[in-house]
Protein backbone atom coordinates (compact mmCIF):
# COMPACT_ATOMS: atom_id res chain seq x y z
CA MET A 1 -20.41 45.34 -14.40
CA ALA A 2 -21.24 44.43 -10.80
CA PRO A 3 -18.74 45.66 -8.17
CA VAL A 4 -16.08 43.16 -7.15
CA PRO A 5 -16.52 42.08 -3.51
CA SER A 6 -13.67 42.87 -1.17
CA ARG A 7 -11.59 40.07 0.34
CA ARG A 8 -13.08 40.89 3.73
CA ASP A 9 -16.63 40.46 2.35
CA VAL A 10 -15.77 37.14 0.74
CA LEU A 11 -14.01 35.75 3.79
CA ARG A 12 -16.83 36.88 6.08
CA THR A 13 -19.23 34.78 4.00
CA LEU A 14 -16.93 31.77 3.81
CA ILE A 15 -15.79 31.68 7.42
CA GLY A 16 -19.25 32.50 8.70
CA GLY A 17 -20.50 29.12 7.57
CA ALA A 18 -21.88 29.64 4.09
CA ALA A 19 -23.16 26.53 2.34
CA GLY A 20 -20.33 24.45 0.86
CA LEU A 21 -19.77 24.36 -2.88
CA SER A 22 -19.51 21.22 -4.97
CA LEU A 23 -15.76 21.50 -5.32
CA PRO A 24 -13.46 18.54 -5.97
CA ILE A 25 -11.32 17.20 -3.16
CA SER A 26 -8.06 15.73 -4.42
CA SER A 27 -5.09 13.93 -2.94
CA SER A 28 -2.97 16.69 -4.46
CA SER A 29 -3.88 18.89 -1.50
CA ARG A 30 -0.92 17.84 0.65
CA ALA A 31 -1.61 20.59 3.17
CA PHE A 32 -4.92 18.98 4.18
CA ALA A 33 -4.17 15.28 3.79
CA GLN A 34 -5.90 13.10 6.38
CA THR A 35 -4.24 9.74 5.69
CA PRO A 36 -2.47 7.21 7.93
CA HIS A 37 1.25 7.67 8.42
CA PRO A 38 4.08 5.28 9.37
CA THR A 39 6.22 5.30 12.49
CA PRO A 40 8.29 8.51 12.78
CA LYS A 41 11.59 8.36 10.88
CA THR A 42 14.57 10.53 11.86
CA THR A 43 17.09 11.76 9.28
CA PRO A 44 20.11 13.70 10.64
CA LEU A 45 20.91 16.82 8.60
CA THR A 46 23.76 18.08 10.83
CA SER A 47 25.01 17.14 14.28
CA THR A 48 22.22 19.24 15.84
CA VAL A 49 19.52 19.45 13.14
CA SER A 50 17.29 16.51 12.16
CA LEU A 51 14.27 15.89 9.95
CA VAL A 52 11.49 13.78 11.43
CA SER A 53 8.96 12.44 8.92
CA GLY A 54 6.00 10.11 9.18
CA THR A 55 3.83 12.18 11.54
CA GLY A 56 1.57 13.86 8.99
CA GLY A 57 4.06 16.50 7.85
CA ASN A 58 7.77 17.20 7.98
CA VAL A 59 9.18 18.26 11.35
CA VAL A 60 12.62 19.80 11.76
CA VAL A 61 14.20 19.39 15.20
CA VAL A 62 17.14 21.33 16.59
CA THR A 63 18.79 19.93 19.72
CA ALA A 64 20.77 21.86 22.33
CA ASP A 65 22.07 21.25 25.85
CA ASP A 66 18.82 22.48 27.41
CA GLY A 67 16.27 20.86 25.09
CA ALA A 68 14.84 21.07 21.60
CA LEU A 69 13.32 23.47 19.10
CA MET A 70 10.83 22.15 16.53
CA VAL A 71 9.54 23.54 13.28
CA ASN A 72 6.00 22.19 12.81
CA GLY A 73 4.39 19.42 14.80
CA GLY A 74 2.69 16.91 12.52
CA GLN A 75 -0.89 15.72 12.97
CA ARG A 76 -2.53 15.61 16.41
CA GLU A 77 -2.96 11.83 16.35
CA HIS A 78 0.82 11.46 16.02
CA ALA A 79 1.79 14.04 18.65
CA ALA A 80 2.69 11.50 21.35
CA ALA A 81 4.78 9.38 18.99
CA LEU A 82 6.54 12.51 17.73
CA ALA A 83 7.20 13.68 21.29
CA ASN A 84 8.77 10.32 22.12
CA THR A 85 10.99 10.53 19.05
CA VAL A 86 12.14 14.05 19.93
CA SER A 87 12.73 13.02 23.54
CA GLY A 88 15.09 10.35 22.26
CA LEU A 89 17.07 13.03 20.41
CA THR A 90 17.36 15.22 23.52
CA ALA A 91 17.90 12.52 26.17
CA GLY A 92 14.57 13.46 27.72
CA LYS A 93 15.06 17.22 27.79
CA PRO A 94 11.97 19.32 26.94
CA VAL A 95 10.89 21.01 23.73
CA ARG A 96 11.31 24.71 24.43
CA PHE A 97 10.16 26.26 21.16
CA LEU A 98 7.75 25.21 18.42
CA PHE A 99 7.26 27.05 15.11
CA ASN A 100 4.03 26.75 13.11
CA THR A 101 4.61 27.57 9.42
CA ASP A 102 0.82 27.92 8.96
CA TRP A 103 -2.42 27.03 10.75
CA HIS A 104 -3.27 23.79 8.99
CA SER A 105 -3.66 20.62 10.99
CA ASP A 106 -0.64 18.79 9.58
CA HIS A 107 1.65 21.37 11.20
CA CYS A 108 -0.13 22.23 14.45
CA GLY A 109 -0.87 18.76 15.83
CA SER A 110 1.65 19.09 18.66
CA ASN A 111 0.53 22.55 19.79
CA GLU A 112 -1.74 21.38 22.59
CA LEU A 113 0.68 18.78 23.95
CA LEU A 114 3.76 21.02 23.82
CA GLY A 115 1.95 24.22 24.75
CA GLY A 116 0.63 22.45 27.81
CA SER A 117 4.19 21.45 28.70
CA GLY A 118 5.42 25.03 28.61
CA ALA A 119 6.87 25.29 25.10
CA GLN A 120 6.73 28.71 23.45
CA ILE A 121 4.83 28.51 20.14
CA ILE A 122 6.03 30.94 17.45
CA ALA A 123 3.90 31.83 14.42
CA HIS A 124 2.49 34.60 12.28
CA GLU A 125 -0.26 36.55 14.05
CA ASN A 126 -2.77 35.46 11.39
CA THR A 127 -2.03 31.82 12.25
CA ARG A 128 -2.91 32.50 15.89
CA GLN A 129 -6.21 34.04 14.83
CA TYR A 130 -7.13 31.05 12.68
CA LEU A 131 -6.29 28.57 15.44
CA ALA A 132 -8.37 30.57 17.94
CA ASN A 133 -11.55 30.45 15.83
CA ASP A 134 -13.73 27.93 14.01
CA ILE A 135 -12.88 28.05 10.30
CA PHE A 136 -15.21 26.75 7.59
CA VAL A 137 -13.27 25.72 4.48
CA ASP A 138 -15.93 25.57 1.79
CA TRP A 139 -13.87 23.82 -0.87
CA GLN A 140 -13.30 20.97 1.59
CA ARG A 141 -16.84 21.17 3.00
CA ARG A 142 -15.26 20.99 6.45
CA THR A 143 -15.18 23.09 9.61
CA TYR A 144 -11.94 23.20 11.59
CA LYS A 145 -12.76 23.77 15.25
CA ALA A 146 -10.79 26.27 17.30
CA LEU A 147 -7.95 24.80 19.33
CA PRO A 148 -7.93 25.25 23.12
CA LYS A 149 -6.07 28.35 24.29
CA VAL A 150 -3.07 26.34 25.49
CA ALA A 151 -2.46 25.40 21.84
CA TRP A 152 -2.46 28.98 20.50
CA PRO A 153 0.86 30.55 19.46
CA THR A 154 2.39 32.57 22.30
CA GLN A 155 4.86 34.64 20.25
CA THR A 156 3.43 36.16 17.08
CA SER A 157 4.28 38.93 14.67
CA TYR A 158 3.66 40.23 11.18
CA ASN A 159 7.40 40.77 10.71
CA ALA A 160 10.64 38.86 10.29
CA GLY A 161 12.72 37.85 13.30
CA LYS A 162 15.94 36.21 14.45
CA MET A 163 16.98 34.10 17.40
CA THR A 164 19.68 31.67 18.47
CA PHE A 165 19.02 28.23 19.92
CA GLY A 166 22.01 26.25 21.09
CA ARG A 167 24.60 26.64 18.33
CA GLU A 168 22.05 27.39 15.62
CA ARG A 169 21.19 30.84 14.31
CA ILE A 170 17.57 30.99 13.16
CA GLU A 171 15.92 33.45 10.79
CA PHE A 172 12.18 33.45 10.14
CA GLY A 173 9.79 35.69 8.27
CA PRO A 174 6.36 36.12 6.70
CA LEU A 175 5.59 34.99 3.17
CA GLY A 176 2.56 37.19 2.48
CA GLN A 177 -0.69 35.91 1.00
CA ALA A 178 0.63 32.64 -0.37
CA HIS A 179 -0.56 29.18 0.69
CA THR A 180 -2.32 31.13 3.47
CA ASP A 181 -1.81 34.69 4.71
CA GLY A 182 -0.08 33.32 7.80
CA ASP A 183 2.77 31.42 6.14
CA ILE A 184 6.29 31.81 7.48
CA TYR A 185 9.64 30.33 6.50
CA VAL A 186 12.26 29.20 9.01
CA PHE A 187 15.90 29.30 7.87
CA PHE A 188 18.98 27.90 9.59
CA PRO A 189 21.83 29.74 7.79
CA ASP A 190 24.72 27.82 9.41
CA ALA A 191 23.17 24.45 8.62
CA ASN A 192 21.90 25.87 5.28
CA VAL A 193 18.47 24.32 5.85
CA LEU A 194 15.31 26.16 4.79
CA VAL A 195 11.86 25.08 6.01
CA THR A 196 9.16 26.30 3.60
CA GLY A 197 5.97 24.78 4.95
CA ASP A 198 3.35 24.14 2.28
CA VAL A 199 4.36 27.08 0.11
CA LEU A 200 6.51 24.51 -1.71
CA ALA A 201 4.67 21.44 -2.97
CA VAL A 202 6.29 18.14 -3.96
CA ASP A 203 4.83 16.07 -6.82
CA SER A 204 1.60 18.07 -6.62
CA TYR A 205 0.23 21.52 -7.35
CA PRO A 206 0.65 24.01 -4.47
CA ILE A 207 -2.69 25.02 -2.99
CA ALA A 208 -3.38 28.71 -2.34
CA ASP A 209 -6.19 28.48 0.23
CA TYR A 210 -8.35 31.55 -0.48
CA VAL A 211 -10.39 30.96 2.69
CA SER A 212 -7.31 31.86 4.74
CA GLY A 213 -5.99 34.55 2.43
CA GLY A 214 -3.85 32.61 -0.04
CA TRP A 215 -3.82 33.24 -3.80
CA LEU A 216 -1.77 32.42 -6.88
CA GLY A 217 0.01 35.78 -7.17
CA GLY A 218 1.06 35.66 -3.53
CA LEU A 219 2.23 32.07 -3.88
CA MET A 220 4.38 33.14 -6.84
CA THR A 221 5.93 36.00 -4.85
CA ALA A 222 6.52 33.79 -1.79
CA THR A 223 8.29 31.17 -3.88
CA LYS A 224 10.60 33.89 -5.22
CA THR A 225 11.31 34.99 -1.62
CA LEU A 226 12.30 31.43 -0.75
CA LEU A 227 14.40 31.14 -3.90
CA ASP A 228 16.32 34.27 -2.92
CA LEU A 229 17.19 32.76 0.48
CA THR A 230 18.91 29.72 -1.01
CA ASN A 231 22.01 28.64 -2.86
CA GLU A 232 22.79 25.42 -4.70
CA GLU A 233 23.71 23.62 -1.47
CA THR A 234 20.60 24.57 0.53
CA ARG A 235 18.49 21.67 1.73
CA VAL A 236 14.89 22.76 1.32
CA VAL A 237 12.35 21.06 3.61
CA PRO A 238 8.76 21.28 2.29
CA GLY A 239 5.67 20.79 4.40
CA THR A 240 5.32 17.24 3.12
CA GLY A 241 7.60 15.04 1.05
CA PRO A 242 11.32 14.52 0.55
CA ILE A 243 13.99 17.21 0.89
CA GLN A 244 14.18 19.50 -2.13
CA THR A 245 16.76 21.85 -3.67
CA ARG A 246 16.97 25.38 -4.99
CA ALA A 247 16.32 23.96 -8.44
CA ASP A 248 12.95 22.63 -7.27
CA LEU A 249 11.98 26.07 -5.96
CA LYS A 250 12.95 27.56 -9.31
CA VAL A 251 10.79 25.05 -11.21
CA GLN A 252 7.77 25.92 -9.05
CA HIS A 253 8.36 29.67 -9.40
CA GLU A 254 8.58 29.46 -13.19
CA MET A 255 5.38 27.41 -13.30
CA LEU A 256 3.50 29.92 -11.14
CA VAL A 257 4.70 32.87 -13.23
CA THR A 258 3.43 31.12 -16.35
CA LEU A 259 0.08 30.16 -14.83
CA ARG A 260 -0.61 33.57 -13.28
CA GLU A 261 -0.39 35.24 -16.68
CA ARG A 262 -2.11 32.43 -18.59
CA LEU A 263 -5.08 32.10 -16.23
CA HIS A 264 -5.52 35.86 -16.07
CA GLN A 265 -5.76 36.02 -19.86
CA MET A 266 -8.26 33.14 -19.85
CA MET A 267 -10.38 34.97 -17.27
CA ARG A 268 -10.32 38.04 -19.51
CA LYS A 269 -11.87 35.85 -22.23
CA GLY A 270 -14.70 34.87 -19.88
CA MET A 271 -13.43 31.35 -19.22
CA GLY A 272 -14.30 29.54 -16.01
CA THR A 273 -12.57 26.65 -14.27
CA ARG A 274 -14.07 23.94 -16.49
CA ASP A 275 -13.20 25.89 -19.62
CA MET A 276 -9.59 26.29 -18.45
CA LEU A 277 -9.26 22.60 -17.64
CA ALA A 278 -10.78 21.63 -20.98
CA ALA A 279 -8.34 23.97 -22.74
CA GLY A 280 -5.39 22.27 -21.04
CA ALA A 281 -4.28 25.35 -19.13
CA THR A 282 -1.85 23.30 -17.02
CA LYS A 283 -1.03 20.50 -19.49
CA GLU A 284 2.78 20.90 -19.51
CA PHE A 285 2.85 20.67 -15.70
CA ASP A 286 0.40 17.81 -15.12
CA GLN A 287 2.91 14.99 -15.52
CA ARG A 288 4.97 16.38 -12.63
CA CYS A 289 2.15 17.76 -10.46
CA GLY A 290 -0.74 15.37 -11.13
CA ASP A 291 -4.47 16.12 -11.42
CA PRO A 292 -4.93 19.91 -11.67
CA SER A 293 -8.67 19.97 -10.82
CA LEU A 294 -8.42 21.07 -7.20
CA PHE A 295 -5.59 23.51 -7.94
CA MET A 296 -7.60 25.13 -10.71
CA THR A 297 -10.81 25.36 -8.71
CA VAL A 298 -9.20 26.94 -5.66
CA THR A 299 -6.89 29.14 -7.72
CA TYR A 300 -9.76 30.53 -9.79
CA ARG A 301 -11.68 31.59 -6.67
CA GLY A 302 -8.58 33.21 -5.20
CA MET A 303 -7.84 35.13 -8.39
CA TRP A 304 -11.34 36.64 -8.37
CA ILE A 305 -10.82 37.82 -4.80
CA HIS A 306 -7.60 39.52 -5.96
CA VAL A 307 -8.93 40.70 -9.30
CA ARG A 308 -7.83 44.30 -8.71
CA GLU A 309 -4.25 43.15 -8.14
CA LEU A 310 -4.40 41.36 -11.49
CA GLY A 311 -5.27 44.65 -13.17
CA GLY A 312 -8.90 43.76 -13.72
CA ILE A 313 -10.60 41.31 -16.05
CA VAL A 314 -12.25 43.60 -18.61
């Protein structure tokens, strides 16, 4: 049996600009959606915490006497409209802090505008590295160009942290190799609002982007981490889509536990992506999550990269 390539070897090939594969691109990949969006809509969650939707991804805004804090920033083409909406919430006071829950474009679209205005951008260190370099995503057949330095995160870490903004206590922390290896959650314990980024998917399969270090096992573990942060009253804000609950996190976690074991056993039998799809590997989840083709293709590649963590194939 040929030696299994290390994750570093695989990522070097992918990010270095290897030829793209003929992989399906599906609307179920919410983290990479490039579709038009309506005018920003603001939904108050508490007197100081609001959800802004309609800018390419969910944005949570906290207001205080001296300005605003945002979690995620929508798509770049909606940055000005989003900034105007947030300015209306703060009576024109500036955005002082911006969190990026990962490096993908539906969360980092306001980085350049707000970074240039002096906002501190907080993210996982891996997210900063992705935003500072050109990244070729082979399963999308697309290269994401590096952002200008003003748009890079200014406060990064590999560890959890805490801060207070206005009246709100804020807890944030890494989620491991999940949707990417730079995912973080942001939790507001007093408001009981948890922002998950794209680790939690709504009406679609979650995508574990192996190009930036995500994989199915890590996504499963990250979902359990989020589940443990919540109670029945927690309002869970995904990267895209309506507010969810602890029950929704539990449904995703149970699905991922099932699929991790099932797909591993199928790989042990020598089955590839097409074989797994033909065998209905995801059939009980398709009605809720939609077409599994992209999920299966990306998941299969990620599982091979992490084959040692699965305990091997043969």
